[in-house]
Amino acid sequence: MSKQIVTLKIDVTKISKERLYKGKKGTYLDAVVFLDPQADQYGNNGMITESVSKEEREAGTKGAILGNAKIISGGQQTKQTQQSAPQPPADEDDLPF
């Protein structure tokens, strides 16, 4: 599998303060990124949600949607973009001989 570069846009105002926790080097939030190689109508390939515990998932709780993800290189979207780029026509009249 090739490496992918994914950009994230997160609305930090949607983060539940109760889900933040202190670690050794800072304050953290567990989050989940759902990726789809096919971009949606806005060019996004996925979304970011707050992570929920196993018990919360089993109870039907879903994490708040925090933002979107976009594959910018190494993914299906990049390959499609490269394939769909128009190729200049070969002009045989410009041959040097």
PDB file of N, CA and C in Angstrom:
ATOM      1  N   MET A   1       0.842  -1.178   0.000  1.00  0.00           N
ATOM      2  CA  MET A   1       0.000   0.000   0.000  1.00  0.00           C
ATOM      3  C   MET A   1       0.883   1.235   0.000  1.00  0.00           C
ATOM      4  N   SER A   2       0.561   2.174  -0.848  1.00  0.00           N
ATOM      5  CA  SER A   2       1.349   3.397  -0.911  1.00  0.00           C
ATOM      6  C   SER A   2       0.969   4.326   0.237  1.00  0.00           C
ATOM      7  N   LYS A   3       1.892   5.196   0.583  1.00  0.00           N
ATOM      8  CA  LYS A   3       1.631   6.165   1.644  1.00  0.00           C
ATOM      9  C   LYS A   3       0.658   7.208   1.135  1.00  0.00           C
ATOM     10  N   GLN A   4      -0.171   7.685   2.032  1.00  0.00           N
ATOM     11  CA  GLN A   4      -1.135   8.711   1.680  1.00  0.00           C
ATOM     12  C   GLN A   4      -0.934   9.922   2.574  1.00  0.00           C
ATOM     13  N   ILE A   5      -1.171  11.078   2.018  1.00  0.00           N
ATOM     14  CA  ILE A   5      -1.190  12.308   2.798  1.00  0.00           C
ATOM     15  C   ILE A   5      -2.641  12.730   2.882  1.00  0.00           C
ATOM     16  N   VAL A   6      -3.097  12.937   4.110  1.00  0.00           N
ATOM     17  CA  VAL A   6      -4.484  13.299   4.352  1.00  0.00           C
ATOM     18  C   VAL A   6      -4.504  14.600   5.145  1.00  0.00           C
ATOM     19  N   THR A   7      -5.268  15.583   4.666  1.00  0.00           N
ATOM     20  CA  THR A   7      -5.432  16.820   5.415  1.00  0.00           C
ATOM     21  C   THR A   7      -6.729  16.735   6.217  1.00  0.00           C
ATOM     22  N   LEU A   8      -6.729  17.362   7.374  1.00  0.00           N
ATOM     23  CA  LEU A   8      -7.892  17.358   8.252  1.00  0.00           C
ATOM     24  C   LEU A   8      -8.315  18.783   8.556  1.00  0.00           C
ATOM     25  N   LYS A   9      -9.609  19.022   8.591  1.00  0.00           N
ATOM     26  CA  LYS A   9     -10.159  20.301   9.029  1.00  0.00           C
ATOM     27  C   LYS A   9     -11.068  19.981  10.207  1.00  0.00           C
ATOM     28  N   ILE A  10     -10.690  20.471  11.377  1.00  0.00           N
ATOM     29  CA  ILE A  10     -11.429  20.164  12.602  1.00  0.00           C
ATOM     30  C   ILE A  10     -11.996  21.445  13.185  1.00  0.00           C
ATOM     31  N   ASP A  11     -13.289  21.414  13.495  1.00  0.00           N
ATOM     32  CA  ASP A  11     -13.944  22.522  14.188  1.00  0.00           C
ATOM     33  C   ASP A  11     -13.756  22.268  15.683  1.00  0.00           C
ATOM     34  N   VAL A  12     -12.777  22.921  16.274  1.00  0.00           N
ATOM     35  CA  VAL A  12     -12.431  22.662  17.672  1.00  0.00           C
ATOM     36  C   VAL A  12     -13.539  23.071  18.634  1.00  0.00           C
ATOM     37  N   THR A  13     -14.469  23.904  18.194  1.00  0.00           N
ATOM     38  CA  THR A  13     -15.576  24.287  19.078  1.00  0.00           C
ATOM     39  C   THR A  13     -16.535  23.124  19.307  1.00  0.00           C
ATOM     40  N   LYS A  14     -16.461  22.088  18.465  1.00  0.00           N
ATOM     41  CA  LYS A  14     -17.336  20.927  18.613  1.00  0.00           C
ATOM     42  C   LYS A  14     -16.761  19.849  19.521  1.00  0.00           C
ATOM     43  N   ILE A  15     -15.523  20.024  19.986  1.00  0.00           N
ATOM     44  CA  ILE A  15     -14.893  19.037  20.858  1.00  0.00           C
ATOM     45  C   ILE A  15     -15.532  19.096  22.239  1.00  0.00           C
ATOM     46  N   SER A  16     -15.987  17.944  22.725  1.00  0.00           N
ATOM     47  CA  SER A  16     -16.538  17.860  24.076  1.00  0.00           C
ATOM     48  C   SER A  16     -15.386  17.912  25.067  1.00  0.00           C
ATOM     49  N   LYS A  17     -15.391  18.911  25.917  1.00  0.00           N
ATOM     50  CA  LYS A  17     -14.302  19.080  26.893  1.00  0.00           C
ATOM     51  C   LYS A  17     -14.163  17.850  27.791  1.00  0.00           C
ATOM     52  N   GLU A  18     -15.271  17.129  28.010  1.00  0.00           N
ATOM     53  CA  GLU A  18     -15.233  15.923  28.854  1.00  0.00           C
ATOM     54  C   GLU A  18     -14.406  14.806  28.225  1.00  0.00           C
ATOM     55  N   ARG A  19     -14.193  14.877  26.928  1.00  0.00           N
ATOM     56  CA  ARG A  19     -13.427  13.820  26.242  1.00  0.00           C
ATOM     57  C   ARG A  19     -11.933  14.123  26.189  1.00  0.00           C
ATOM     58  N   LEU A  20     -11.534  15.309  26.625  1.00  0.00           N
ATOM     59  CA  LEU A  20     -10.113  15.653  26.682  1.00  0.00           C
ATOM     60  C   LEU A  20      -9.500  15.019  27.918  1.00  0.00           C
ATOM     61  N   TYR A  21      -8.260  14.577  27.785  1.00  0.00           N
ATOM     62  CA  TYR A  21      -7.570  13.999  28.943  1.00  0.00           C
ATOM     63  C   TYR A  21      -6.111  14.421  28.937  1.00  0.00           C
ATOM     64  N   LYS A  22      -5.535  14.455  30.120  1.00  0.00           N
ATOM     65  CA  LYS A  22      -4.134  14.851  30.296  1.00  0.00           C
ATOM     66  C   LYS A  22      -3.231  13.654  30.067  1.00  0.00           C
ATOM     67  N   GLY A  23      -2.191  13.893  29.301  1.00  0.00           N
ATOM     68  CA  GLY A  23      -1.164  12.895  29.080  1.00  0.00           C
ATOM     69  C   GLY A  23       0.158  13.429  29.593  1.00  0.00           C
ATOM     70  N   LYS A  24       1.219  12.691  29.359  1.00  0.00           N
ATOM     71  CA  LYS A  24       2.543  13.105  29.837  1.00  0.00           C
ATOM     72  C   LYS A  24       3.037  14.380  29.174  1.00  0.00           C
ATOM     73  N   LYS A  25       2.666  14.575  27.901  1.00  0.00           N
ATOM     74  CA  LYS A  25       3.210  15.712  27.162  1.00  0.00           C
ATOM     75  C   LYS A  25       2.155  16.709  26.707  1.00  0.00           C
ATOM     76  N   GLY A  26       0.935  16.584  27.182  1.00  0.00           N
ATOM     77  CA  GLY A  26      -0.091  17.533  26.767  1.00  0.00           C
ATOM     78  C   GLY A  26      -1.489  17.049  27.054  1.00  0.00           C
ATOM     79  N   THR A  27      -2.451  17.745  26.483  1.00  0.00           N
ATOM     80  CA  THR A  27      -3.853  17.393  26.594  1.00  0.00           C
ATOM     81  C   THR A  27      -4.280  16.772  25.282  1.00  0.00           C
ATOM     82  N   TYR A  28      -4.985  15.644  25.348  1.00  0.00           N
ATOM     83  CA  TYR A  28      -5.293  14.851  24.165  1.00  0.00           C
ATOM     84  C   TYR A  28      -6.788  14.607  23.992  1.00  0.00           C
ATOM     85  N   LEU A  29      -7.142  14.262  22.763  1.00  0.00           N
ATOM     86  CA  LEU A  29      -8.490  13.838  22.408  1.00  0.00           C
ATOM     87  C   LEU A  29      -8.342  12.620  21.512  1.00  0.00           C
ATOM     88  N   ASP A  30      -9.045  11.545  21.841  1.00  0.00           N
ATOM     89  CA  ASP A  30      -9.071  10.396  20.947  1.00  0.00           C
ATOM     90  C   ASP A  30     -10.115  10.670  19.874  1.00  0.00           C
ATOM     91  N   ALA A  31      -9.723  10.496  18.625  1.00  0.00           N
ATOM     92  CA  ALA A  31     -10.611  10.751  17.497  1.00  0.00           C
ATOM     93  C   ALA A  31     -10.493   9.605  16.502  1.00  0.00           C
ATOM     94  N   VAL A  32     -11.474   9.527  15.609  1.00  0.00           N
ATOM     95  CA  VAL A  32     -11.515   8.498  14.579  1.00  0.00           C
ATOM     96  C   VAL A  32     -11.665   9.179  13.222  1.00  0.00           C
ATOM     97  N   VAL A  33     -10.921   8.685  12.222  1.00  0.00           N
ATOM     98  CA  VAL A  33     -11.050   9.195  10.860  1.00  0.00           C
ATOM     99  C   VAL A  33     -11.644   8.074  10.014  1.00  0.00           C
ATOM    100  N   PHE A  34     -12.750   8.366   9.348  1.00  0.00           N
ATOM    101  CA  PHE A  34     -13.384   7.438   8.424  1.00  0.00           C
ATOM    102  C   PHE A  34     -13.007   7.903   7.020  1.00  0.00           C
ATOM    103  N   LEU A  35     -12.285   7.051   6.276  1.00  0.00           N
ATOM    104  CA  LEU A  35     -11.830   7.426   4.933  1.00  0.00           C
ATOM    105  C   LEU A  35     -12.523   6.602   3.862  1.00  0.00           C
ATOM    106  N   ASP A  36     -12.788   7.245   2.745  1.00  0.00           N
ATOM    107  CA  ASP A  36     -13.358   6.612   1.562  1.00  0.00           C
ATOM    108  C   ASP A  36     -12.503   7.083   0.383  1.00  0.00           C
ATOM    109  N   PRO A  37     -12.004   6.173  -0.448  1.00  0.00           N
ATOM    110  CA  PRO A  37     -11.163   6.616  -1.565  1.00  0.00           C
ATOM    111  C   PRO A  37     -11.908   7.508  -2.560  1.00  0.00           C
ATOM    112  N   GLN A  38     -13.224   7.402  -2.608  1.00  0.00           N
ATOM    113  CA  GLN A  38     -14.020   8.231  -3.508  1.00  0.00           C
ATOM    114  C   GLN A  38     -14.406   9.525  -2.793  1.00  0.00           C
ATOM    115  N   ALA A  39     -14.076  10.648  -3.385  1.00  0.00           N
ATOM    116  CA  ALA A  39     -14.406  11.949  -2.799  1.00  0.00           C
ATOM    117  C   ALA A  39     -15.895  12.223  -2.939  1.00  0.00           C
ATOM    118  N   ASP A  40     -16.433  12.957  -1.966  1.00  0.00           N
ATOM    119  CA  ASP A  40     -17.833  13.364  -2.035  1.00  0.00           C
ATOM    120  C   ASP A  40     -17.978  14.600  -2.925  1.00  0.00           C
ATOM    121  N   GLN A  41     -19.153  15.169  -2.967  1.00  0.00           N
ATOM    122  CA  GLN A  41     -19.410  16.316  -3.850  1.00  0.00           C
ATOM    123  C   GLN A  41     -18.596  17.550  -3.489  1.00  0.00           C
ATOM    124  N   TYR A  42     -18.044  17.575  -2.268  1.00  0.00           N
ATOM    125  CA  TYR A  42     -17.234  18.718  -1.821  1.00  0.00           C
ATOM    126  C   TYR A  42     -15.734  18.434  -1.905  1.00  0.00           C
ATOM    127  N   GLY A  43     -15.363  17.263  -2.408  1.00  0.00           N
ATOM    128  CA  GLY A  43     -13.958  16.896  -2.521  1.00  0.00           C
ATOM    129  C   GLY A  43     -13.381  16.264  -1.274  1.00  0.00           C
ATOM    130  N   ASN A  44     -14.229  15.956  -0.295  1.00  0.00           N
ATOM    131  CA  ASN A  44     -13.771  15.330   0.949  1.00  0.00           C
ATOM    132  C   ASN A  44     -13.822  13.816   0.816  1.00  0.00           C
ATOM    133  N   ASN A  45     -12.859  13.154   1.464  1.00  0.00           N
ATOM    134  CA  ASN A  45     -12.798  11.701   1.437  1.00  0.00           C
ATOM    135  C   ASN A  45     -13.212  11.068   2.757  1.00  0.00           C
ATOM    136  N   GLY A  46     -13.624  11.861   3.709  1.00  0.00           N
ATOM    137  CA  GLY A  46     -14.023  11.272   4.976  1.00  0.00           C
ATOM    138  C   GLY A  46     -14.356  12.304   6.015  1.00  0.00           C
ATOM    139  N   MET A  47     -14.546  11.797   7.233  1.00  0.00           N
ATOM    140  CA  MET A  47     -14.878  12.674   8.346  1.00  0.00           C
ATOM    141  C   MET A  47     -14.125  12.253   9.590  1.00  0.00           C
ATOM    142  N   ILE A  48     -14.037  13.188  10.530  1.00  0.00           N
ATOM    143  CA  ILE A  48     -13.385  12.957  11.813  1.00  0.00           C
ATOM    144  C   ILE A  48     -14.455  13.028  12.885  1.00  0.00           C
ATOM    145  N   THR A  49     -14.467  12.042  13.777  1.00  0.00           N
ATOM    146  CA  THR A  49     -15.402  12.058  14.892  1.00  0.00           C
ATOM    147  C   THR A  49     -14.654  11.858  16.201  1.00  0.00           C
ATOM    148  N   GLU A  50     -15.286  12.252  17.287  1.00  0.00           N
ATOM    149  CA  GLU A  50     -14.735  11.940  18.598  1.00  0.00           C
ATOM    150  C   GLU A  50     -14.863  10.439  18.806  1.00  0.00           C
ATOM    151  N   SER A  51     -13.864   9.868  19.425  1.00  0.00           N
ATOM    152  CA  SER A  51     -13.893   8.450  19.738  1.00  0.00           C
ATOM    153  C   SER A  51     -14.823   8.230  20.931  1.00  0.00           C
ATOM    154  N   VAL A  52     -15.560   7.113  20.917  1.00  0.00           N
ATOM    155  CA  VAL A  52     -16.420   6.754  22.050  1.00  0.00           C
ATOM    156  C   VAL A  52     -15.987   5.395  22.575  1.00  0.00           C
ATOM    157  N   SER A  53     -16.307   5.127  23.814  1.00  0.00           N
ATOM    158  CA  SER A  53     -15.918   3.853  24.429  1.00  0.00           C
ATOM    159  C   SER A  53     -16.737   2.700  23.848  1.00  0.00           C
ATOM    160  N   LYS A  54     -16.293   1.507  24.081  1.00  0.00           N
ATOM    161  CA  LYS A  54     -16.999   0.314  23.610  1.00  0.00           C
ATOM    162  C   LYS A  54     -18.419   0.291  24.172  1.00  0.00           C
ATOM    163  N   GLU A  55     -18.557   0.625  25.441  1.00  0.00           N
ATOM    164  CA  GLU A  55     -19.874   0.634  26.082  1.00  0.00           C
ATOM    165  C   GLU A  55     -20.796   1.669  25.428  1.00  0.00           C
ATOM    166  N   GLU A  56     -20.232   2.832  25.113  1.00  0.00           N
ATOM    167  CA  GLU A  56     -21.027   3.873  24.447  1.00  0.00           C
ATOM    168  C   GLU A  56     -21.467   3.425  23.057  1.00  0.00           C
ATOM    169  N   ARG A  57     -20.546   2.797  22.311  1.00  0.00           N
ATOM    170  CA  ARG A  57     -20.889   2.285  20.971  1.00  0.00           C
ATOM    171  C   ARG A  57     -22.011   1.261  21.066  1.00  0.00           C
ATOM    172  N   GLU A  58     -21.894   0.339  22.022  1.00  0.00           N
ATOM    173  CA  GLU A  58     -22.910  -0.699  22.190  1.00  0.00           C
ATOM    174  C   GLU A  58     -24.260  -0.103  22.567  1.00  0.00           C
ATOM    175  N   ALA A  59     -24.252   1.040  23.255  1.00  0.00           N
ATOM    176  CA  ALA A  59     -25.494   1.719  23.631  1.00  0.00           C
ATOM    177  C   ALA A  59     -26.030   2.590  22.502  1.00  0.00           C
ATOM    178  N   GLY A  60     -25.304   2.654  21.367  1.00  0.00           N
ATOM    179  CA  GLY A  60     -25.765   3.420  20.225  1.00  0.00           C
ATOM    180  C   GLY A  60     -25.261   4.850  20.177  1.00  0.00           C
ATOM    181  N   THR A  61     -24.369   5.216  21.094  1.00  0.00           N
ATOM    182  CA  THR A  61     -23.817   6.571  21.101  1.00  0.00           C
ATOM    183  C   THR A  61     -22.795   6.705  19.979  1.00  0.00           C
ATOM    184  N   LYS A  62     -22.889   7.809  19.259  1.00  0.00           N
ATOM    185  CA  LYS A  62     -21.917   8.101  18.204  1.00  0.00           C
ATOM    186  C   LYS A  62     -21.113   9.323  18.614  1.00  0.00           C
ATOM    187  N   GLY A  63     -19.856   9.351  18.223  1.00  0.00           N
ATOM    188  CA  GLY A  63     -19.008  10.499  18.508  1.00  0.00           C
ATOM    189  C   GLY A  63     -19.426  11.696  17.678  1.00  0.00           C
ATOM    190  N   ALA A  64     -19.257  12.872  18.239  1.00  0.00           N
ATOM    191  CA  ALA A  64     -19.592  14.103  17.515  1.00  0.00           C
ATOM    192  C   ALA A  64     -18.715  14.228  16.276  1.00  0.00           C
ATOM    193  N   ILE A  65     -19.304  14.687  15.182  1.00  0.00           N
ATOM    194  CA  ILE A  65     -18.543  14.925  13.945  1.00  0.00           C
ATOM    195  C   ILE A  65     -17.779  16.229  14.128  1.00  0.00           C
ATOM    196  N   LEU A  66     -16.455  16.143  14.023  1.00  0.00           N
ATOM    197  CA  LEU A  66     -15.585  17.296  14.249  1.00  0.00           C
ATOM    198  C   LEU A  66     -15.130  17.976  12.968  1.00  0.00           C
ATOM    199  N   GLY A  67     -15.149  17.260  11.858  1.00  0.00           N
ATOM    200  CA  GLY A  67     -14.665  17.871  10.628  1.00  0.00           C
ATOM    201  C   GLY A  67     -14.520  16.873   9.506  1.00  0.00           C
ATOM    202  N   ASN A  68     -13.754  17.273   8.493  1.00  0.00           N
ATOM    203  CA  ASN A  68     -13.593  16.496   7.268  1.00  0.00           C
ATOM    204  C   ASN A  68     -12.139  16.132   7.008  1.00  0.00           C
ATOM    205  N   ALA A  69     -11.968  15.109   6.173  1.00  0.00           N
ATOM    206  CA  ALA A  69     -10.636  14.664   5.761  1.00  0.00           C
ATOM    207  C   ALA A  69     -10.578  14.634   4.244  1.00  0.00           C
ATOM    208  N   LYS A  70      -9.405  14.953   3.722  1.00  0.00           N
ATOM    209  CA  LYS A  70      -9.219  14.953   2.266  1.00  0.00           C
ATOM    210  C   LYS A  70      -7.885  14.303   1.944  1.00  0.00           C
ATOM    211  N   ILE A  71      -7.907  13.295   1.078  1.00  0.00           N
ATOM    212  CA  ILE A  71      -6.674  12.657   0.616  1.00  0.00           C
ATOM    213  C   ILE A  71      -6.079  13.577  -0.442  1.00  0.00           C
ATOM    214  N   ILE A  72      -4.850  14.075  -0.194  1.00  0.00           N
ATOM    215  CA  ILE A  72      -4.254  15.005  -1.153  1.00  0.00           C
ATOM    216  C   ILE A  72      -3.148  14.380  -1.992  1.00  0.00           C
ATOM    217  N   SER A  73      -2.615  13.227  -1.575  1.00  0.00           N
ATOM    218  CA  SER A  73      -1.644  12.524  -2.420  1.00  0.00           C
ATOM    219  C   SER A  73      -1.556  11.074  -2.006  1.00  0.00           C
ATOM    220  N   GLY A  74      -1.211  10.244  -2.972  1.00  0.00           N
ATOM    221  CA  GLY A  74      -1.008   8.824  -2.711  1.00  0.00           C
ATOM    222  C   GLY A  74      -2.279   8.016  -2.709  1.00  0.00           C
ATOM    223  N   GLY A  75      -3.424   8.643  -2.835  1.00  0.00           N
ATOM    224  CA  GLY A  75      -4.688   7.934  -2.776  1.00  0.00           C
ATOM    225  C   GLY A  75      -5.375   7.839  -4.113  1.00  0.00           C
ATOM    226  N   GLN A  76      -6.546   7.263  -4.104  1.00  0.00           N
ATOM    227  CA  GLN A  76      -7.354   7.074  -5.307  1.00  0.00           C
ATOM    228  C   GLN A  76      -7.656   8.408  -5.983  1.00  0.00           C
ATOM    229  N   GLN A  77      -7.955   9.441  -5.194  1.00  0.00           N
ATOM    230  CA  GLN A  77      -8.315  10.736  -5.761  1.00  0.00           C
ATOM    231  C   GLN A  77      -7.180  11.288  -6.624  1.00  0.00           C
ATOM    232  N   THR A  78      -5.937  11.173  -6.144  1.00  0.00           N
ATOM    233  CA  THR A  78      -4.794  11.676  -6.892  1.00  0.00           C
ATOM    234  C   THR A  78      -4.644  10.920  -8.209  1.00  0.00           C
ATOM    235  N   LYS A  79      -4.796   9.605  -8.175  1.00  0.00           N
ATOM    236  CA  LYS A  79      -4.664   8.809  -9.396  1.00  0.00           C
ATOM    237  C   LYS A  79      -5.727   9.196 -10.407  1.00  0.00           C
ATOM    238  N   GLN A  80      -6.966   9.389  -9.954  1.00  0.00           N
ATOM    239  CA  GLN A  80      -8.034   9.776 -10.862  1.00  0.00           C
ATOM    240  C   GLN A  80      -7.748  11.139 -11.471  1.00  0.00           C
ATOM    241  N   THR A  81      -7.268  12.075 -10.678  1.00  0.00           N
ATOM    242  CA  THR A  81      -6.965  13.409 -11.163  1.00  0.00           C
ATOM    243  C   THR A  81      -5.875  13.348 -12.229  1.00  0.00           C
ATOM    244  N   GLN A  82      -4.844  12.538 -11.988  1.00  0.00           N
ATOM    245  CA  GLN A  82      -3.764  12.426 -12.955  1.00  0.00           C
ATOM    246  C   GLN A  82      -4.262  11.789 -14.249  1.00  0.00           C
ATOM    247  N   GLN A  83      -5.132  10.780 -14.150  1.00  0.00           N
ATOM    248  CA  GLN A  83      -5.632  10.110 -15.335  1.00  0.00           C
ATOM    249  C   GLN A  83      -6.552  11.009 -16.144  1.00  0.00           C
ATOM    250  N   SER A  84      -7.295  11.877 -15.475  1.00  0.00           N
ATOM    251  CA  SER A  84      -8.263  12.695 -16.191  1.00  0.00           C
ATOM    252  C   SER A  84      -7.663  13.988 -16.732  1.00  0.00           C
ATOM    253  N   ALA A  85      -6.408  14.272 -16.427  1.00  0.00           N
ATOM    254  CA  ALA A  85      -5.770  15.488 -16.935  1.00  0.00           C
ATOM    255  C   ALA A  85      -5.620  15.383 -18.439  1.00  0.00           C
ATOM    256  N   PRO A  86      -6.012  16.427 -19.173  1.00  0.00           N
ATOM    257  CA  PRO A  86      -5.913  16.358 -20.635  1.00  0.00           C
ATOM    258  C   PRO A  86      -4.462  16.284 -21.086  1.00  0.00           C
ATOM    259  N   GLN A  87      -4.225  15.464 -22.081  1.00  0.00           N
ATOM    260  CA  GLN A  87      -2.892  15.309 -22.639  1.00  0.00           C
ATOM    261  C   GLN A  87      -2.786  16.167 -23.888  1.00  0.00           C
ATOM    262  N   PRO A  88      -1.689  16.892 -24.044  1.00  0.00           N
ATOM    263  CA  PRO A  88      -1.549  17.700 -25.257  1.00  0.00           C
ATOM    264  C   PRO A  88      -1.465  16.782 -26.480  1.00  0.00           C
ATOM    265  N   PRO A  89      -2.118  17.164 -27.561  1.00  0.00           N
ATOM    266  CA  PRO A  89      -2.078  16.308 -28.753  1.00  0.00           C
ATOM    267  C   PRO A  89      -0.670  16.274 -29.340  1.00  0.00           C
ATOM    268  N   ALA A  90      -0.320  15.110 -29.861  1.00  0.00           N
ATOM    269  CA  ALA A  90       0.976  14.976 -30.521  1.00  0.00           C
ATOM    270  C   ALA A  90       0.888  15.662 -31.879  1.00  0.00           C
ATOM    271  N   ASP A  91       1.742  16.646 -32.093  1.00  0.00           N
ATOM    272  CA  ASP A  91       1.723  17.407 -33.331  1.00  0.00           C
ATOM    273  C   ASP A  91       2.888  16.913 -34.187  1.00  0.00           C
ATOM    274  N   GLU A  92       2.572  16.146 -35.204  1.00  0.00           N
ATOM    275  CA  GLU A  92       3.603  15.551 -36.034  1.00  0.00           C
ATOM    276  C   GLU A  92       4.291  16.592 -36.928  1.00  0.00           C
ATOM    277  N   ASP A  93       3.676  17.738 -37.130  1.00  0.00           N
ATOM    278  CA  ASP A  93       4.267  18.765 -37.991  1.00  0.00           C
ATOM    279  C   ASP A  93       5.485  19.414 -37.359  1.00  0.00           C
ATOM    280  N   ASP A  94       5.652  19.296 -36.045  1.00  0.00           N
ATOM    281  CA  ASP A  94       6.782  19.916 -35.368  1.00  0.00           C
ATOM    282  C   ASP A  94       8.010  19.029 -35.339  1.00  0.00           C
ATOM    283  N   LEU A  95       7.996  17.918 -36.026  1.00  0.00           N
ATOM    284  CA  LEU A  95       9.145  17.015 -36.014  1.00  0.00           C
ATOM    285  C   LEU A  95      10.331  17.681 -36.704  1.00  0.00           C
ATOM    286  N   PRO A  96      11.537  17.536 -36.169  1.00  0.00           N
ATOM    287  CA  PRO A  96      12.712  18.218 -36.731  1.00  0.00           C
ATOM    288  C   PRO A  96      13.205  17.600 -38.042  1.00  0.00           C
ATOM    289  N   PHE A  97      12.609  16.542 -38.514  1.00  0.00           N
ATOM    290  CA  PHE A  97      13.082  15.928 -39.775  1.00  0.00           C
ATOM    291  C   PHE A  97      11.991  15.762 -40.772  1.00  0.00           C
TER     292      PHE A  97
END
